[in-house]
Amino acid sequence: MAAIAACLAVTVIFASCTNNSDVFSNIDVNFIKADNIEGFENVARIEAFVAETQWSKHIIAEVSLKNNGFELCLPSMLTVDWLIPVVNENMKGVSVSEPSAKWSFLSLEVESTNKSLYHILLLDNSYNQPNGIATKEVVYVYADRPVKLSGNVTRKDQQPGYSSLRLPYETEISSTYENLILSSGWNIVCMERSFEYIREDFRRVYYTYSNKNTSECKWRLIVHKIDTY
């Protein structure tokens, strides 16, 4: 999901933006509001989109800039053409309760006045600028039906030496789903990550996805870097 990132004008069905409650007591699933984000004075516009692939993304909502932050009301429904099957070749080894389920992931990308490219991410206090890497991050996931995921999948990035992540070393990615439960519609997922450097040209990245509480996470403006995996 951290790797999931021609914009199209589209019509969507918007949520009512009432304060729906969930296990994350300080976060509303459908309505996102953030104030006083550090460095926000350089923000000119924010795009909220979901992506089928790296080259195909769909804007899903207007983002209002307010109080050195933003407000965003997520659509209650996404068109099925924008969703990705949960069960695919990258999920072998993961148990999926509804094999026909589909999902997608919210990305917030910033156009700035200083021509830099930023992302807005919800990260915990382990965030370490300028690397922009935190051990815990909130991921907004849309599912077309209730589904539960459990298990682990490990894969290597495609091209050792100069990979598809454009890193100067080979990367092995291990993703664990800790009985992750998704409801129909938008969900808040806790993503935890860690790194293990095996040798100079090889490392492992561990991701764990769960329904853990993420109340300590804050919205942060992150300079876009390729090496954030």
Protein backbone atom coordinates (compact mmCIF):
# COMPACT_ATOMS: atom_id res chain seq x y z
CA MET A 1 0.00 0.00 0.00
CA ALA A 2 2.96 2.29 0.63
CA ALA A 3 3.92 1.45 -3.08
CA ILE A 4 0.40 2.20 -4.33
CA ALA A 5 0.52 5.83 -5.80
CA ALA A 6 -3.44 11.86 -16.80
CA CYS A 7 -5.74 12.78 -13.87
CA LEU A 8 -9.38 12.44 -14.95
CA ALA A 9 -12.33 14.67 -14.15
CA VAL A 10 -14.98 12.37 -12.70
CA THR A 11 -18.39 12.36 -11.08
CA VAL A 12 -18.62 10.67 -7.69
CA ILE A 13 -21.22 10.14 -4.98
CA PHE A 14 -20.18 12.05 -1.87
CA ALA A 15 -20.61 10.93 1.71
CA SER A 16 -22.73 12.97 4.09
CA CYS A 17 -19.58 13.69 6.13
CA THR A 18 -21.26 13.02 9.43
CA ASN A 19 -18.95 12.04 12.27
CA ASN A 20 -18.98 8.28 11.84
CA SER A 21 -17.16 6.56 14.71
CA ASP A 22 -14.77 3.64 14.53
CA VAL A 23 -12.05 1.99 16.59
CA PHE A 24 -9.83 5.03 15.94
CA SER A 25 -11.63 7.39 18.28
CA ASN A 26 -10.00 10.60 17.07
CA ILE A 27 -10.33 9.95 13.32
CA ASP A 28 -13.48 10.13 11.19
CA VAL A 29 -13.33 7.63 8.33
CA ASN A 30 -15.28 9.73 5.83
CA PHE A 31 -14.18 13.25 6.75
CA ILE A 32 -10.55 14.31 7.02
CA LYS A 33 -9.56 17.61 8.62
CA ALA A 34 -6.05 18.78 9.47
CA ASP A 35 -4.87 22.18 10.75
CA ASN A 36 -1.47 23.86 11.13
CA ILE A 37 0.62 21.40 9.14
CA GLU A 38 4.28 22.39 9.23
CA GLY A 39 5.51 23.74 5.88
CA PHE A 40 1.97 24.11 4.52
CA GLU A 41 2.58 27.72 3.42
CA ASN A 42 4.08 26.37 0.17
CA VAL A 43 0.98 24.33 -0.73
CA ALA A 44 -0.95 25.55 -3.78
CA ARG A 45 -3.29 22.58 -4.40
CA ILE A 46 -3.92 19.04 -3.19
CA GLU A 47 -5.13 16.13 -5.32
CA ALA A 48 -7.02 13.29 -3.61
CA PHE A 49 -6.91 10.22 -5.83
CA VAL A 50 -6.90 6.46 -6.04
CA ALA A 51 -4.68 4.63 -8.51
CA GLU A 52 -5.25 1.44 -10.50
CA THR A 53 -1.57 1.50 -11.51
CA GLN A 54 1.37 3.87 -11.25
CA TRP A 55 0.23 5.41 -14.56
CA SER A 56 -3.54 5.44 -14.05
CA LYS A 57 -5.04 7.51 -11.25
CA HIS A 58 -8.51 8.95 -10.61
CA ILE A 59 -9.29 12.12 -8.67
CA ILE A 60 -12.08 11.31 -6.22
CA ALA A 61 -12.80 14.53 -4.30
CA GLU A 62 -12.18 18.26 -3.94
CA VAL A 63 -9.73 19.26 -1.21
CA SER A 64 -10.29 22.60 0.55
CA LEU A 65 -7.24 24.45 1.91
CA LYS A 66 -7.95 26.00 5.34
CA ASN A 67 -5.99 27.11 8.43
CA ASN A 68 -2.62 25.94 7.07
CA GLY A 69 -4.23 22.56 6.50
CA PHE A 70 -7.06 20.98 4.57
CA GLU A 71 -10.53 19.45 4.66
CA LEU A 72 -11.59 16.48 2.58
CA CYS A 73 -14.90 14.62 2.38
CA LEU A 74 -14.32 11.16 0.91
CA PRO A 75 -16.89 9.75 -1.54
CA SER A 76 -19.12 7.07 -0.07
CA MET A 77 -18.76 4.96 -3.23
CA LEU A 78 -16.05 4.43 -5.83
CA THR A 79 -16.72 3.14 -9.31
CA VAL A 80 -15.77 -0.51 -9.61
CA ASP A 81 -13.47 0.23 -12.57
CA TRP A 82 -11.08 2.04 -10.22
CA LEU A 83 -10.72 -0.88 -7.81
CA ILE A 84 -8.06 -3.59 -7.72
CA PRO A 85 -8.78 -7.26 -6.91
CA VAL A 86 -7.56 -8.11 -3.41
CA VAL A 87 -6.57 -11.57 -4.61
CA ASN A 88 -3.70 -11.21 -7.09
CA GLU A 89 -0.20 -12.55 -7.72
CA ASN A 90 1.26 -10.22 -5.08
CA MET A 91 -1.02 -11.67 -2.36
CA LYS A 92 -0.11 -15.36 -2.59
CA GLY A 93 0.04 -16.76 0.94
CA VAL A 94 -2.58 -14.36 2.31
CA SER A 95 -5.97 -15.76 3.31
CA VAL A 96 -8.83 -13.59 1.97
CA SER A 97 -12.32 -14.29 3.30
CA GLU A 98 -14.02 -12.90 0.17
CA PRO A 99 -11.91 -13.85 -2.88
CA SER A 100 -13.96 -11.59 -5.18
CA ALA A 101 -13.40 -8.48 -3.02
CA LYS A 102 -11.79 -5.38 -4.51
CA TRP A 103 -10.05 -2.43 -2.90
CA SER A 104 -8.16 0.80 -3.50
CA PHE A 105 -6.00 3.22 -1.51
CA LEU A 106 -6.19 6.98 -0.95
CA SER A 107 -3.24 9.17 -1.97
CA LEU A 108 -2.87 12.89 -1.26
CA GLU A 109 -0.43 14.61 -3.59
CA VAL A 110 0.55 18.29 -3.32
CA GLU A 111 1.30 20.93 -5.92
CA SER A 112 3.51 23.52 -4.23
CA THR A 113 4.46 27.10 -5.01
CA ASN A 114 8.17 26.18 -4.91
CA LYS A 115 7.75 23.44 -7.56
CA SER A 116 8.59 20.62 -5.12
CA LEU A 117 6.46 17.48 -5.05
CA TYR A 118 5.00 16.51 -1.68
CA HIS A 119 2.73 13.87 -0.22
CA ILE A 120 0.57 14.32 2.86
CA LEU A 121 0.84 11.32 5.17
CA LEU A 122 -0.57 10.44 8.59
CA LEU A 123 2.52 9.32 10.54
CA ASP A 124 3.52 8.63 14.13
CA ASN A 125 6.23 10.49 16.06
CA SER A 126 8.98 8.21 14.75
CA TYR A 127 8.86 10.19 11.51
CA ASN A 128 12.43 11.25 10.80
CA GLN A 129 12.92 14.12 8.40
CA PRO A 130 14.50 14.32 5.83
CA ASN A 131 14.08 10.57 5.17
CA GLY A 132 10.31 10.80 5.65
CA ILE A 133 10.16 7.27 7.03
CA ALA A 134 8.05 6.39 10.07
CA THR A 135 7.49 3.09 11.82
CA LYS A 136 3.71 3.59 11.87
CA GLU A 137 1.46 5.12 9.21
CA VAL A 138 -2.29 5.35 8.63
CA VAL A 139 -3.54 4.07 5.27
CA TYR A 140 -7.05 4.88 4.01
CA VAL A 141 -8.38 1.76 2.26
CA TYR A 142 -11.63 1.49 0.32
CA ALA A 143 -13.24 -1.97 0.05
CA ASP A 144 -16.27 -2.88 -2.03
CA ARG A 145 -17.47 -5.43 0.59
CA PRO A 146 -16.54 -6.69 4.06
CA VAL A 147 -13.38 -8.80 3.95
CA LYS A 148 -10.80 -10.24 6.36
CA LEU A 149 -7.14 -10.77 5.51
CA SER A 150 -4.57 -12.86 7.38
CA GLY A 151 -1.18 -14.32 6.56
CA ASN A 152 2.13 -13.26 5.05
CA VAL A 153 3.52 -12.76 1.56
CA THR A 154 7.15 -12.08 0.66
CA ARG A 155 8.32 -10.89 -2.72
CA LYS A 156 11.50 -9.51 -4.20
CA ASP A 157 11.58 -6.33 -6.18
CA GLN A 158 11.91 -7.00 -9.87
CA GLN A 159 15.38 -5.85 -10.93
CA PRO A 160 18.34 -6.47 -8.58
CA GLY A 161 20.95 -3.72 -8.67
CA TYR A 162 18.60 -1.08 -10.07
CA SER A 163 15.10 -2.07 -9.07
CA SER A 164 11.62 -1.08 -10.17
CA LEU A 165 11.57 1.04 -6.99
CA ARG A 166 14.61 2.81 -8.48
CA LEU A 167 16.78 1.87 -5.53
CA PRO A 168 20.52 1.11 -5.79
CA TYR A 169 20.05 -2.29 -4.14
CA GLU A 170 17.82 -5.32 -4.19
CA THR A 171 14.81 -5.18 -1.89
CA GLU A 172 12.77 -8.04 -0.41
CA ILE A 173 9.34 -6.96 0.84
CA SER A 174 7.52 -8.94 3.53
CA SER A 175 3.85 -8.03 4.14
CA THR A 176 1.90 -9.47 7.06
CA TYR A 177 -1.86 -9.06 7.52
CA GLU A 178 -2.78 -9.48 11.21
CA ASN A 179 -6.42 -10.54 10.87
CA LEU A 180 -7.11 -7.25 9.13
CA ILE A 181 -10.86 -6.60 8.96
CA LEU A 182 -12.21 -4.21 6.32
CA SER A 183 -15.78 -2.98 6.18
CA SER A 184 -17.59 -1.99 3.00
CA GLY A 185 -16.52 1.58 2.19
CA TRP A 186 -13.57 3.47 3.67
CA ASN A 187 -11.38 1.98 6.38
CA ILE A 188 -8.48 3.23 8.48
CA VAL A 189 -5.63 0.72 8.51
CA CYS A 190 -2.52 0.77 10.66
CA MET A 191 0.64 0.07 8.65
CA GLU A 192 3.85 -0.61 10.61
CA ARG A 193 7.22 -0.95 8.90
CA SER A 194 10.80 -1.84 9.72
CA PHE A 195 14.02 -2.37 7.77
CA GLU A 196 16.77 -4.96 7.89
CA TYR A 197 19.94 -4.29 5.92
CA ILE A 198 21.47 -7.67 5.06
CA ARG A 199 24.39 -6.35 3.07
CA GLU A 200 25.33 -3.24 1.13
CA ASP A 201 23.27 -4.18 -1.92
CA PHE A 202 20.37 -6.05 -0.25
CA ARG A 203 17.76 -5.22 2.36
CA ARG A 204 14.41 -6.46 3.68
CA VAL A 205 11.40 -4.25 4.38
CA TYR A 206 8.73 -5.57 6.73
CA TYR A 207 5.15 -4.27 6.62
CA THR A 208 2.40 -5.25 9.05
CA TYR A 209 -1.23 -4.26 8.41
CA SER A 210 -3.75 -4.35 11.25
CA ASN A 211 -6.69 -2.65 12.96
CA LYS A 212 -4.47 -1.28 15.73
CA ASN A 213 -5.15 2.16 17.19
CA THR A 214 -3.25 5.00 15.51
CA SER A 215 -4.36 7.95 17.64
CA GLU A 216 -0.77 9.20 18.00
CA CYS A 217 -0.37 9.76 14.25
CA LYS A 218 -0.35 13.30 12.83
CA TRP A 219 -0.67 14.70 9.32
CA ARG A 220 2.73 15.63 7.90
CA LEU A 221 3.87 17.18 4.64
CA ILE A 222 6.56 14.95 3.19
CA VAL A 223 8.92 15.81 0.34
CA HIS A 224 8.43 13.07 -2.24
CA LYS A 225 11.36 10.67 -2.42
CA ILE A 226 11.57 7.37 -4.29
CA ASP A 227 13.35 5.70 -1.36
CA THR A 228 10.45 5.68 1.13
CA TYR A 229 9.80 1.92 1.06
